[in-house]
Amino acid sequence: ALSEPRVVLPTLIFVVLAEETIWRGALLGALRTDHEAP
């Protein structure tokens, strides 16, 4: 992770935005259509 810190650190904002959008946004919302929240 730290072999290219000046590249990795700015990348984190895009990665975190994408991870929340994909797995906690689109996927979780779709799964809740047929499953209980837990």
PDB file of all heavy atoms in Angstrom:
ATOM      1  N   ALA A   1       0.816  -1.217   0.000  1.00  0.00           N
ATOM      2  CA  ALA A   1       0.000   0.000   0.000  1.00  0.00           C
ATOM      3  C   ALA A   1       0.845   1.260   0.000  1.00  0.00           C
ATOM      4  O   ALA A   1       0.463   2.274  -0.589  1.00  0.00           O
ATOM      5  CB  ALA A   1      -0.928  -0.003   1.209  1.00  0.00           C
ATOM      6  N   LEU A   2       2.002   1.199   0.651  1.00  0.00           N
ATOM      7  CA  LEU A   2       2.812   2.405   0.813  1.00  0.00           C
ATOM      8  C   LEU A   2       4.004   2.474  -0.126  1.00  0.00           C
ATOM      9  O   LEU A   2       4.863   3.329   0.023  1.00  0.00           O
ATOM     10  CB  LEU A   2       3.293   2.504   2.268  1.00  0.00           C
ATOM     11  CG  LEU A   2       2.175   2.615   3.311  1.00  0.00           C
ATOM     12  CD1 LEU A   2       2.766   2.709   4.705  1.00  0.00           C
ATOM     13  CD2 LEU A   2       1.289   3.809   3.031  1.00  0.00           C
ATOM     14  N   SER A   3       4.048   1.580  -1.115  1.00  0.00           N
ATOM     15  CA  SER A   3       5.164   1.627  -2.050  1.00  0.00           C
ATOM     16  C   SER A   3       5.087   2.874  -2.944  1.00  0.00           C
ATOM     17  O   SER A   3       6.090   3.338  -3.455  1.00  0.00           O
ATOM     18  CB  SER A   3       5.187   0.359  -2.912  1.00  0.00           C
ATOM     19  OG  SER A   3       3.984   0.236  -3.644  1.00  0.00           O
ATOM     20  N   GLU A   4       3.854   3.388  -3.145  1.00  0.00           N
ATOM     21  CA  GLU A   4       3.682   4.616  -3.914  1.00  0.00           C
ATOM     22  C   GLU A   4       2.725   5.536  -3.148  1.00  0.00           C
ATOM     23  O   GLU A   4       1.616   5.807  -3.595  1.00  0.00           O
ATOM     24  CB  GLU A   4       3.100   4.310  -5.293  1.00  0.00           C
ATOM     25  CG  GLU A   4       3.968   3.424  -6.168  1.00  0.00           C
ATOM     26  CD  GLU A   4       3.305   3.144  -7.504  1.00  0.00           C
ATOM     27  OE1 GLU A   4       2.701   4.081  -8.092  1.00  0.00           O
ATOM     28  OE2 GLU A   4       3.353   2.003  -7.958  1.00  0.00           O
ATOM     29  N   PRO A   5       3.116   6.042  -1.978  1.00  0.00           N
ATOM     30  CA  PRO A   5       2.176   6.775  -1.125  1.00  0.00           C
ATOM     31  C   PRO A   5       1.569   8.004  -1.769  1.00  0.00           C
ATOM     32  O   PRO A   5       0.404   8.322  -1.540  1.00  0.00           O
ATOM     33  CB  PRO A   5       3.022   7.149   0.101  1.00  0.00           C
ATOM     34  CG  PRO A   5       4.439   7.057  -0.362  1.00  0.00           C
ATOM     35  CD  PRO A   5       4.462   5.965  -1.377  1.00  0.00           C
ATOM     36  N   ARG A   6       2.333   8.719  -2.589  1.00  0.00           N
ATOM     37  CA  ARG A   6       1.804   9.937  -3.204  1.00  0.00           C
ATOM     38  C   ARG A   6       0.759   9.635  -4.270  1.00  0.00           C
ATOM     39  O   ARG A   6      -0.012  10.507  -4.663  1.00  0.00           O
ATOM     40  CB  ARG A   6       2.941  10.762  -3.795  1.00  0.00           C
ATOM     41  CG  ARG A   6       3.895  11.299  -2.733  1.00  0.00           C
ATOM     42  CD  ARG A   6       4.966  12.176  -3.326  1.00  0.00           C
ATOM     43  NE  ARG A   6       5.881  12.657  -2.308  1.00  0.00           N
ATOM     44  CZ  ARG A   6       6.920  13.437  -2.542  1.00  0.00           C
ATOM     45  NH1 ARG A   6       7.174  13.834  -3.785  1.00  0.00           N
ATOM     46  NH2 ARG A   6       7.704  13.832  -1.557  1.00  0.00           N
ATOM     47  N   VAL A   7       0.759   8.384  -4.753  1.00  0.00           N
ATOM     48  CA  VAL A   7      -0.259   7.954  -5.709  1.00  0.00           C
ATOM     49  C   VAL A   7      -1.421   7.291  -4.978  1.00  0.00           C
ATOM     50  O   VAL A   7      -2.588   7.528  -5.289  1.00  0.00           O
ATOM     51  CB  VAL A   7       0.345   6.976  -6.742  1.00  0.00           C
ATOM     52  CG1 VAL A   7      -0.723   6.469  -7.699  1.00  0.00           C
ATOM     53  CG2 VAL A   7       1.470   7.651  -7.505  1.00  0.00           C
ATOM     54  N   VAL A   8      -1.100   6.459  -3.989  1.00  0.00           N
ATOM     55  CA  VAL A   8      -2.125   5.699  -3.289  1.00  0.00           C
ATOM     56  C   VAL A   8      -3.052   6.596  -2.485  1.00  0.00           C
ATOM     57  O   VAL A   8      -4.276   6.414  -2.488  1.00  0.00           O
ATOM     58  CB  VAL A   8      -1.480   4.640  -2.365  1.00  0.00           C
ATOM     59  CG1 VAL A   8      -2.542   3.956  -1.500  1.00  0.00           C
ATOM     60  CG2 VAL A   8      -0.727   3.609  -3.187  1.00  0.00           C
ATOM     61  N   LEU A   9      -2.502   7.591  -1.801  1.00  0.00           N
ATOM     62  CA  LEU A   9      -3.320   8.436  -0.929  1.00  0.00           C
ATOM     63  C   LEU A   9      -4.417   9.178  -1.694  1.00  0.00           C
ATOM     64  O   LEU A   9      -5.578   9.137  -1.295  1.00  0.00           O
ATOM     65  CB  LEU A   9      -2.427   9.411  -0.158  1.00  0.00           C
ATOM     66  CG  LEU A   9      -3.111  10.242   0.936  1.00  0.00           C
ATOM     67  CD1 LEU A   9      -3.820   9.337   1.931  1.00  0.00           C
ATOM     68  CD2 LEU A   9      -2.094  11.114   1.654  1.00  0.00           C
ATOM     69  N   PRO A  10      -4.109   9.863  -2.816  1.00  0.00           N
ATOM     70  CA  PRO A  10      -5.197  10.508  -3.569  1.00  0.00           C
ATOM     71  C   PRO A  10      -6.189   9.504  -4.156  1.00  0.00           C
ATOM     72  O   PRO A  10      -7.369   9.818  -4.332  1.00  0.00           O
ATOM     73  CB  PRO A  10      -4.469  11.252  -4.689  1.00  0.00           C
ATOM     74  CG  PRO A  10      -3.068  11.407  -4.213  1.00  0.00           C
ATOM     75  CD  PRO A  10      -2.792  10.190  -3.392  1.00  0.00           C
ATOM     76  N   THR A  11      -5.702   8.291  -4.451  1.00  0.00           N
ATOM     77  CA  THR A  11      -6.573   7.268  -5.014  1.00  0.00           C
ATOM     78  C   THR A  11      -7.651   6.844  -4.036  1.00  0.00           C
ATOM     79  O   THR A  11      -8.753   6.446  -4.429  1.00  0.00           O
ATOM     80  CB  THR A  11      -5.725   6.039  -5.424  1.00  0.00           C
ATOM     81  OG1 THR A  11      -4.812   6.423  -6.442  1.00  0.00           O
ATOM     82  CG2 THR A  11      -6.593   4.911  -5.954  1.00  0.00           C
ATOM     83  N   LEU A  12      -7.354   6.930  -2.741  1.00  0.00           N
ATOM     84  CA  LEU A  12      -8.281   6.440  -1.725  1.00  0.00           C
ATOM     85  C   LEU A  12      -9.662   7.080  -1.829  1.00  0.00           C
ATOM     86  O   LEU A  12     -10.674   6.421  -1.600  1.00  0.00           O
ATOM     87  CB  LEU A  12      -7.711   6.684  -0.323  1.00  0.00           C
ATOM     88  CG  LEU A  12      -6.685   5.684   0.183  1.00  0.00           C
ATOM     89  CD1 LEU A  12      -6.174   6.107   1.550  1.00  0.00           C
ATOM     90  CD2 LEU A  12      -7.284   4.286   0.258  1.00  0.00           C
ATOM     91  N   ILE A  13      -9.716   8.363  -2.163  1.00  0.00           N
ATOM     92  CA  ILE A  13     -11.003   9.041  -2.232  1.00  0.00           C
ATOM     93  C   ILE A  13     -11.890   8.401  -3.289  1.00  0.00           C
ATOM     94  O   ILE A  13     -13.090   8.182  -3.068  1.00  0.00           O
ATOM     95  CB  ILE A  13     -10.821  10.553  -2.498  1.00  0.00           C
ATOM     96  CG1 ILE A  13     -12.165  11.263  -2.475  1.00  0.00           C
ATOM     97  CG2 ILE A  13     -10.116  10.804  -3.810  1.00  0.00           C
ATOM     98  CD1 ILE A  13     -12.807  11.339  -1.140  1.00  0.00           C
ATOM     99  N   PHE A  14     -11.307   8.057  -4.445  1.00  0.00           N
ATOM    100  CA  PHE A  14     -12.076   7.408  -5.503  1.00  0.00           C
ATOM    101  C   PHE A  14     -12.485   6.002  -5.102  1.00  0.00           C
ATOM    102  O   PHE A  14     -13.615   5.570  -5.360  1.00  0.00           O
ATOM    103  CB  PHE A  14     -11.255   7.362  -6.804  1.00  0.00           C
ATOM    104  CG  PHE A  14     -10.976   8.699  -7.398  1.00  0.00           C
ATOM    105  CD1 PHE A  14      -9.739   9.298  -7.238  1.00  0.00           C
ATOM    106  CD2 PHE A  14     -11.949   9.375  -8.114  1.00  0.00           C
ATOM    107  CE1 PHE A  14      -9.476  10.543  -7.792  1.00  0.00           C
ATOM    108  CE2 PHE A  14     -11.689  10.625  -8.678  1.00  0.00           C
ATOM    109  CZ  PHE A  14     -10.450  11.207  -8.516  1.00  0.00           C
ATOM    110  N   VAL A  15     -11.566   5.283  -4.476  1.00  0.00           N
ATOM    111  CA  VAL A  15     -11.842   3.908  -4.076  1.00  0.00           C
ATOM    112  C   VAL A  15     -12.946   3.856  -3.022  1.00  0.00           C
ATOM    113  O   VAL A  15     -13.877   3.057  -3.112  1.00  0.00           O
ATOM    114  CB  VAL A  15     -10.559   3.230  -3.564  1.00  0.00           C
ATOM    115  CG1 VAL A  15     -10.871   1.862  -2.973  1.00  0.00           C
ATOM    116  CG2 VAL A  15      -9.545   3.096  -4.697  1.00  0.00           C
ATOM    117  N   VAL A  16     -12.853   4.729  -2.021  1.00  0.00           N
ATOM    118  CA  VAL A  16     -13.862   4.734  -0.955  1.00  0.00           C
ATOM    119  C   VAL A  16     -15.222   5.143  -1.503  1.00  0.00           C
ATOM    120  O   VAL A  16     -16.247   4.529  -1.175  1.00  0.00           O
ATOM    121  CB  VAL A  16     -13.425   5.672   0.196  1.00  0.00           C
ATOM    122  CG1 VAL A  16     -14.552   5.842   1.208  1.00  0.00           C
ATOM    123  CG2 VAL A  16     -12.186   5.110   0.882  1.00  0.00           C
ATOM    124  N   LEU A  17     -15.259   6.156  -2.353  1.00  0.00           N
ATOM    125  CA  LEU A  17     -16.515   6.548  -2.986  1.00  0.00           C
ATOM    126  C   LEU A  17     -17.125   5.389  -3.764  1.00  0.00           C
ATOM    127  O   LEU A  17     -18.340   5.128  -3.680  1.00  0.00           O
ATOM    128  CB  LEU A  17     -16.278   7.730  -3.931  1.00  0.00           C
ATOM    129  CG  LEU A  17     -16.285   9.129  -3.327  1.00  0.00           C
ATOM    130  CD1 LEU A  17     -15.741  10.134  -4.333  1.00  0.00           C
ATOM    131  CD2 LEU A  17     -17.690   9.524  -2.897  1.00  0.00           C
ATOM    132  N   ALA A  18     -16.286   4.691  -4.526  1.00  0.00           N
ATOM    133  CA  ALA A  18     -16.784   3.583  -5.336  1.00  0.00           C
ATOM    134  C   ALA A  18     -17.252   2.423  -4.469  1.00  0.00           C
ATOM    135  O   ALA A  18     -18.304   1.823  -4.729  1.00  0.00           O
ATOM    136  CB  ALA A  18     -15.698   3.110  -6.297  1.00  0.00           C
ATOM    137  N   GLU A  19     -16.492   2.092  -3.438  1.00  0.00           N
ATOM    138  CA  GLU A  19     -16.869   0.968  -2.585  1.00  0.00           C
ATOM    139  C   GLU A  19     -18.205   1.226  -1.901  1.00  0.00           C
ATOM    140  O   GLU A  19     -19.048   0.324  -1.806  1.00  0.00           O
ATOM    141  CB  GLU A  19     -15.767   0.698  -1.560  1.00  0.00           C
ATOM    142  CG  GLU A  19     -14.525   0.096  -2.184  1.00  0.00           C
ATOM    143  CD  GLU A  19     -13.453  -0.260  -1.173  1.00  0.00           C
ATOM    144  OE1 GLU A  19     -13.521   0.213  -0.014  1.00  0.00           O
ATOM    145  OE2 GLU A  19     -12.523  -1.012  -1.545  1.00  0.00           O
ATOM    146  N   GLU A  20     -18.428   2.437  -1.427  1.00  0.00           N
ATOM    147  CA  GLU A  20     -19.711   2.745  -0.796  1.00  0.00           C
ATOM    148  C   GLU A  20     -20.840   2.726  -1.830  1.00  0.00           C
ATOM    149  O   GLU A  20     -21.944   2.231  -1.557  1.00  0.00           O
ATOM    150  CB  GLU A  20     -19.649   4.098  -0.088  1.00  0.00           C
ATOM    151  CG  GLU A  20     -18.666   4.149   1.063  1.00  0.00           C
ATOM    152  CD  GLU A  20     -18.838   3.010   2.044  1.00  0.00           C
ATOM    153  OE1 GLU A  20     -20.003   2.698   2.402  1.00  0.00           O
ATOM    154  OE2 GLU A  20     -17.825   2.417   2.444  1.00  0.00           O
ATOM    155  N   THR A  21     -20.575   3.239  -3.020  1.00  0.00           N
ATOM    156  CA  THR A  21     -21.596   3.263  -4.063  1.00  0.00           C
ATOM    157  C   THR A  21     -21.983   1.855  -4.498  1.00  0.00           C
ATOM    158  O   THR A  21     -23.173   1.550  -4.662  1.00  0.00           O
ATOM    159  CB  THR A  21     -21.098   4.066  -5.283  1.00  0.00           C
ATOM    160  OG1 THR A  21     -20.814   5.409  -4.874  1.00  0.00           O
ATOM    161  CG2 THR A  21     -22.140   4.090  -6.388  1.00  0.00           C
ATOM    162  N   ILE A  22     -20.983   1.004  -4.676  1.00  0.00           N
ATOM    163  CA  ILE A  22     -21.246  -0.357  -5.168  1.00  0.00           C
ATOM    164  C   ILE A  22     -21.873  -1.238  -4.086  1.00  0.00           C
ATOM    165  O   ILE A  22     -22.985  -1.755  -4.254  1.00  0.00           O
ATOM    166  CB  ILE A  22     -19.947  -1.015  -5.675  1.00  0.00           C
ATOM    167  CG1 ILE A  22     -19.358  -0.232  -6.843  1.00  0.00           C
ATOM    168  CG2 ILE A  22     -20.216  -2.471  -6.102  1.00  0.00           C
ATOM    169  CD1 ILE A  22     -17.927  -0.615  -7.183  1.00  0.00           C
ATOM    170  N   TRP A  23     -21.155  -1.420  -2.972  1.00  0.00           N
ATOM    171  CA  TRP A  23     -21.546  -2.461  -2.011  1.00  0.00           C
ATOM    172  C   TRP A  23     -22.528  -1.996  -0.945  1.00  0.00           C
ATOM    173  O   TRP A  23     -23.361  -2.781  -0.497  1.00  0.00           O
ATOM    174  CB  TRP A  23     -20.291  -3.075  -1.376  1.00  0.00           C
ATOM    175  CG  TRP A  23     -19.546  -3.927  -2.347  1.00  0.00           C
ATOM    176  CD1 TRP A  23     -19.895  -5.179  -2.783  1.00  0.00           C
ATOM    177  CD2 TRP A  23     -18.347  -3.600  -3.045  1.00  0.00           C
ATOM    178  NE1 TRP A  23     -18.988  -5.637  -3.708  1.00  0.00           N
ATOM    179  CE2 TRP A  23     -18.012  -4.689  -3.882  1.00  0.00           C
ATOM    180  CE3 TRP A  23     -17.507  -2.492  -3.028  1.00  0.00           C
ATOM    181  CZ2 TRP A  23     -16.896  -4.704  -4.703  1.00  0.00           C
ATOM    182  CZ3 TRP A  23     -16.386  -2.494  -3.853  1.00  0.00           C
ATOM    183  CH2 TRP A  23     -16.085  -3.592  -4.672  1.00  0.00           C
ATOM    184  N   ARG A  24     -22.444  -0.759  -0.503  1.00  0.00           N
ATOM    185  CA  ARG A  24     -23.405  -0.274   0.491  1.00  0.00           C
ATOM    186  C   ARG A  24     -24.555   0.484  -0.151  1.00  0.00           C
ATOM    187  O   ARG A  24     -25.575   0.718   0.486  1.00  0.00           O
ATOM    188  CB  ARG A  24     -22.709   0.625   1.524  1.00  0.00           C
ATOM    189  CG  ARG A  24     -22.333  -0.086   2.788  1.00  0.00           C
ATOM    190  CD  ARG A  24     -21.181  -1.048   2.615  1.00  0.00           C
ATOM    191  NE  ARG A  24     -19.915  -0.374   2.387  1.00  0.00           N
ATOM    192  CZ  ARG A  24     -18.784  -1.006   2.102  1.00  0.00           C
ATOM    193  NH1 ARG A  24     -18.760  -2.321   1.987  1.00  0.00           N
ATOM    194  NH2 ARG A  24     -17.662  -0.332   1.919  1.00  0.00           N
ATOM    195  N   GLY A  25     -24.416   0.854  -1.424  1.00  0.00           N
ATOM    196  CA  GLY A  25     -25.479   1.561  -2.117  1.00  0.00           C
ATOM    197  C   GLY A  25     -26.278   0.644  -3.025  1.00  0.00           C
ATOM    198  O   GLY A  25     -27.354   0.163  -2.667  1.00  0.00           O
ATOM    199  N   ALA A  26     -25.745   0.401  -4.228  1.00  0.00           N
ATOM    200  CA  ALA A  26     -26.484  -0.379  -5.225  1.00  0.00           C
ATOM    201  C   ALA A  26     -26.767  -1.806  -4.762  1.00  0.00           C
ATOM    202  O   ALA A  26     -27.913  -2.269  -4.806  1.00  0.00           O
ATOM    203  CB  ALA A  26     -25.697  -0.390  -6.537  1.00  0.00           C
ATOM    204  N   LEU A  27     -25.739  -2.519  -4.312  1.00  0.00           N
ATOM    205  CA  LEU A  27     -25.928  -3.924  -3.947  1.00  0.00           C
ATOM    206  C   LEU A  27     -26.815  -4.078  -2.715  1.00  0.00           C
ATOM    207  O   LEU A  27     -27.768  -4.870  -2.723  1.00  0.00           O
ATOM    208  CB  LEU A  27     -24.573  -4.584  -3.689  1.00  0.00           C
ATOM    209  CG  LEU A  27     -24.631  -6.057  -3.263  1.00  0.00           C
ATOM    210  CD1 LEU A  27     -25.277  -6.910  -4.344  1.00  0.00           C
ATOM    211  CD2 LEU A  27     -23.242  -6.584  -2.916  1.00  0.00           C
ATOM    212  N   LEU A  28     -26.531  -3.354  -1.662  1.00  0.00           N
ATOM    213  CA  LEU A  28     -27.308  -3.486  -0.436  1.00  0.00           C
ATOM    214  C   LEU A  28     -28.770  -3.115  -0.675  1.00  0.00           C
ATOM    215  O   LEU A  28     -29.684  -3.784  -0.180  1.00  0.00           O
ATOM    216  CB  LEU A  28     -26.700  -2.609   0.655  1.00  0.00           C
ATOM    217  CG  LEU A  28     -27.332  -2.703   2.056  1.00  0.00           C
ATOM    218  CD1 LEU A  28     -27.349  -4.134   2.558  1.00  0.00           C
ATOM    219  CD2 LEU A  28     -26.594  -1.797   3.028  1.00  0.00           C
ATOM    220  N   GLY A  29     -29.000  -2.060  -1.456  1.00  0.00           N
ATOM    221  CA  GLY A  29     -30.377  -1.672  -1.766  1.00  0.00           C
ATOM    222  C   GLY A  29     -31.109  -2.738  -2.545  1.00  0.00           C
ATOM    223  O   GLY A  29     -32.286  -3.025  -2.271  1.00  0.00           O
ATOM    224  N   ALA A  30     -30.429  -3.361  -3.515  1.00  0.00           N
ATOM    225  CA  ALA A  30     -31.065  -4.417  -4.299  1.00  0.00           C
ATOM    226  C   ALA A  30     -31.340  -5.652  -3.449  1.00  0.00           C
ATOM    227  O   ALA A  30     -32.399  -6.290  -3.573  1.00  0.00           O
ATOM    228  CB  ALA A  30     -30.174  -4.778  -5.489  1.00  0.00           C
ATOM    229  N   LEU A  31     -30.406  -6.010  -2.578  1.00  0.00           N
ATOM    230  CA  LEU A  31     -30.589  -7.190  -1.727  1.00  0.00           C
ATOM    231  C   LEU A  31     -31.744  -7.007  -0.750  1.00  0.00           C
ATOM    232  O   LEU A  31     -32.426  -7.977  -0.391  1.00  0.00           O
ATOM    233  CB  LEU A  31     -29.299  -7.482  -0.965  1.00  0.00           C
ATOM    234  CG  LEU A  31     -28.131  -8.037  -1.782  1.00  0.00           C
ATOM    235  CD1 LEU A  31     -26.861  -8.079  -0.933  1.00  0.00           C
ATOM    236  CD2 LEU A  31     -28.467  -9.435  -2.313  1.00  0.00           C
ATOM    237  N   ARG A  32     -31.978  -5.807  -0.319  1.00  0.00           N
ATOM    238  CA  ARG A  32     -33.055  -5.547   0.639  1.00  0.00           C
ATOM    239  C   ARG A  32     -34.436  -5.733   0.020  1.00  0.00           C
ATOM    240  O   ARG A  32     -35.431  -5.824   0.745  1.00  0.00           O
ATOM    241  CB  ARG A  32     -32.934  -4.140   1.209  1.00  0.00           C
ATOM    242  CG  ARG A  32     -31.752  -3.980   2.153  1.00  0.00           C
ATOM    243  CD  ARG A  32     -31.951  -2.802   3.073  1.00  0.00           C
ATOM    244  NE  ARG A  32     -33.054  -3.020   3.999  1.00  0.00           N
ATOM    245  CZ  ARG A  32     -33.607  -2.050   4.735  1.00  0.00           C
ATOM    246  NH1 ARG A  32     -33.164  -0.807   4.621  1.00  0.00           N
ATOM    247  NH2 ARG A  32     -34.593  -2.314   5.549  1.00  0.00           N
ATOM    248  N   THR A  33     -34.496  -5.842  -1.312  1.00  0.00           N
ATOM    249  CA  THR A  33     -35.775  -6.105  -1.963  1.00  0.00           C
ATOM    250  C   THR A  33     -36.323  -7.468  -1.560  1.00  0.00           C
ATOM    251  O   THR A  33     -37.533  -7.644  -1.377  1.00  0.00           O
ATOM    252  CB  THR A  33     -35.611  -6.045  -3.495  1.00  0.00           C
ATOM    253  OG1 THR A  33     -35.082  -4.768  -3.862  1.00  0.00           O
ATOM    254  CG2 THR A  33     -36.946  -6.258  -4.192  1.00  0.00           C
ATOM    255  N   ASP A  34     -35.442  -8.448  -1.398  1.00  0.00           N
ATOM    256  CA  ASP A  34     -35.870  -9.820  -1.102  1.00  0.00           C
ATOM    257  C   ASP A  34     -35.362 -10.347   0.229  1.00  0.00           C
ATOM    258  O   ASP A  34     -35.656 -11.484   0.591  1.00  0.00           O
ATOM    259  CB  ASP A  34     -35.387 -10.769  -2.216  1.00  0.00           C
ATOM    260  CG  ASP A  34     -36.004 -10.437  -3.561  1.00  0.00           C
ATOM    261  OD1 ASP A  34     -37.227 -10.238  -3.608  1.00  0.00           O
ATOM    262  OD2 ASP A  34     -35.254 -10.357  -4.545  1.00  0.00           O
ATOM    263  N   HIS A  35     -34.586  -9.565   0.974  1.00  0.00           N
ATOM    264  CA  HIS A  35     -33.999 -10.056   2.228  1.00  0.00           C
ATOM    265  C   HIS A  35     -34.210  -9.040   3.342  1.00  0.00           C
ATOM    266  O   HIS A  35     -34.278  -7.838   3.104  1.00  0.00           O
ATOM    267  CB  HIS A  35     -32.505 -10.320   2.049  1.00  0.00           C
ATOM    268  CG  HIS A  35     -32.178 -11.312   0.977  1.00  0.00           C
ATOM    269  ND1 HIS A  35     -32.332 -12.668   1.136  1.00  0.00           N
ATOM    270  CD2 HIS A  35     -31.702 -11.137  -0.290  1.00  0.00           C
ATOM    271  CE1 HIS A  35     -31.963 -13.297   0.028  1.00  0.00           C
ATOM    272  NE2 HIS A  35     -31.573 -12.380  -0.854  1.00  0.00           N
ATOM    273  N   GLU A  36     -34.270  -9.564   4.567  1.00  0.00           N
ATOM    274  CA  GLU A  36     -34.296  -8.690   5.728  1.00  0.00           C
ATOM    275  C   GLU A  36     -32.954  -7.955   5.840  1.00  0.00           C
ATOM    276  O   GLU A  36     -31.930  -8.424   5.330  1.00  0.00           O
ATOM    277  CB  GLU A  36     -34.556  -9.499   6.996  1.00  0.00           C
ATOM    278  CG  GLU A  36     -35.937 -10.146   7.041  1.00  0.00           C
ATOM    279  CD  GLU A  36     -37.047  -9.115   7.129  1.00  0.00           C
ATOM    280  OE1 GLU A  36     -36.825  -8.053   7.735  1.00  0.00           O
ATOM    281  OE2 GLU A  36     -38.145  -9.379   6.601  1.00  0.00           O
ATOM    282  N   ALA A  37     -32.972  -6.825   6.538  1.00  0.00           N
ATOM    283  CA  ALA A  37     -31.784  -5.984   6.617  1.00  0.00           C
ATOM    284  C   ALA A  37     -30.534  -6.720   7.094  1.00  0.00           C
ATOM    285  O   ALA A  37     -29.469  -6.592   6.470  1.00  0.00           O
ATOM    286  CB  ALA A  37     -32.059  -4.773   7.505  1.00  0.00           C
ATOM    287  N   PRO A  38     -30.596  -7.531   8.187  1.00  0.00           N
ATOM    288  CA  PRO A  38     -29.363  -8.202   8.638  1.00  0.00           C
ATOM    289  C   PRO A  38     -28.782  -9.145   7.584  1.00  0.00           C
ATOM    290  O   PRO A  38     -27.560  -9.208   7.409  1.00  0.00           O
ATOM    291  CB  PRO A  38     -29.816  -8.968   9.882  1.00  0.00           C
ATOM    292  CG  PRO A  38     -31.022  -8.235  10.363  1.00  0.00           C
ATOM    293  CD  PRO A  38     -31.708  -7.762   9.119  1.00  0.00           C
TER     294      PRO A  38
END
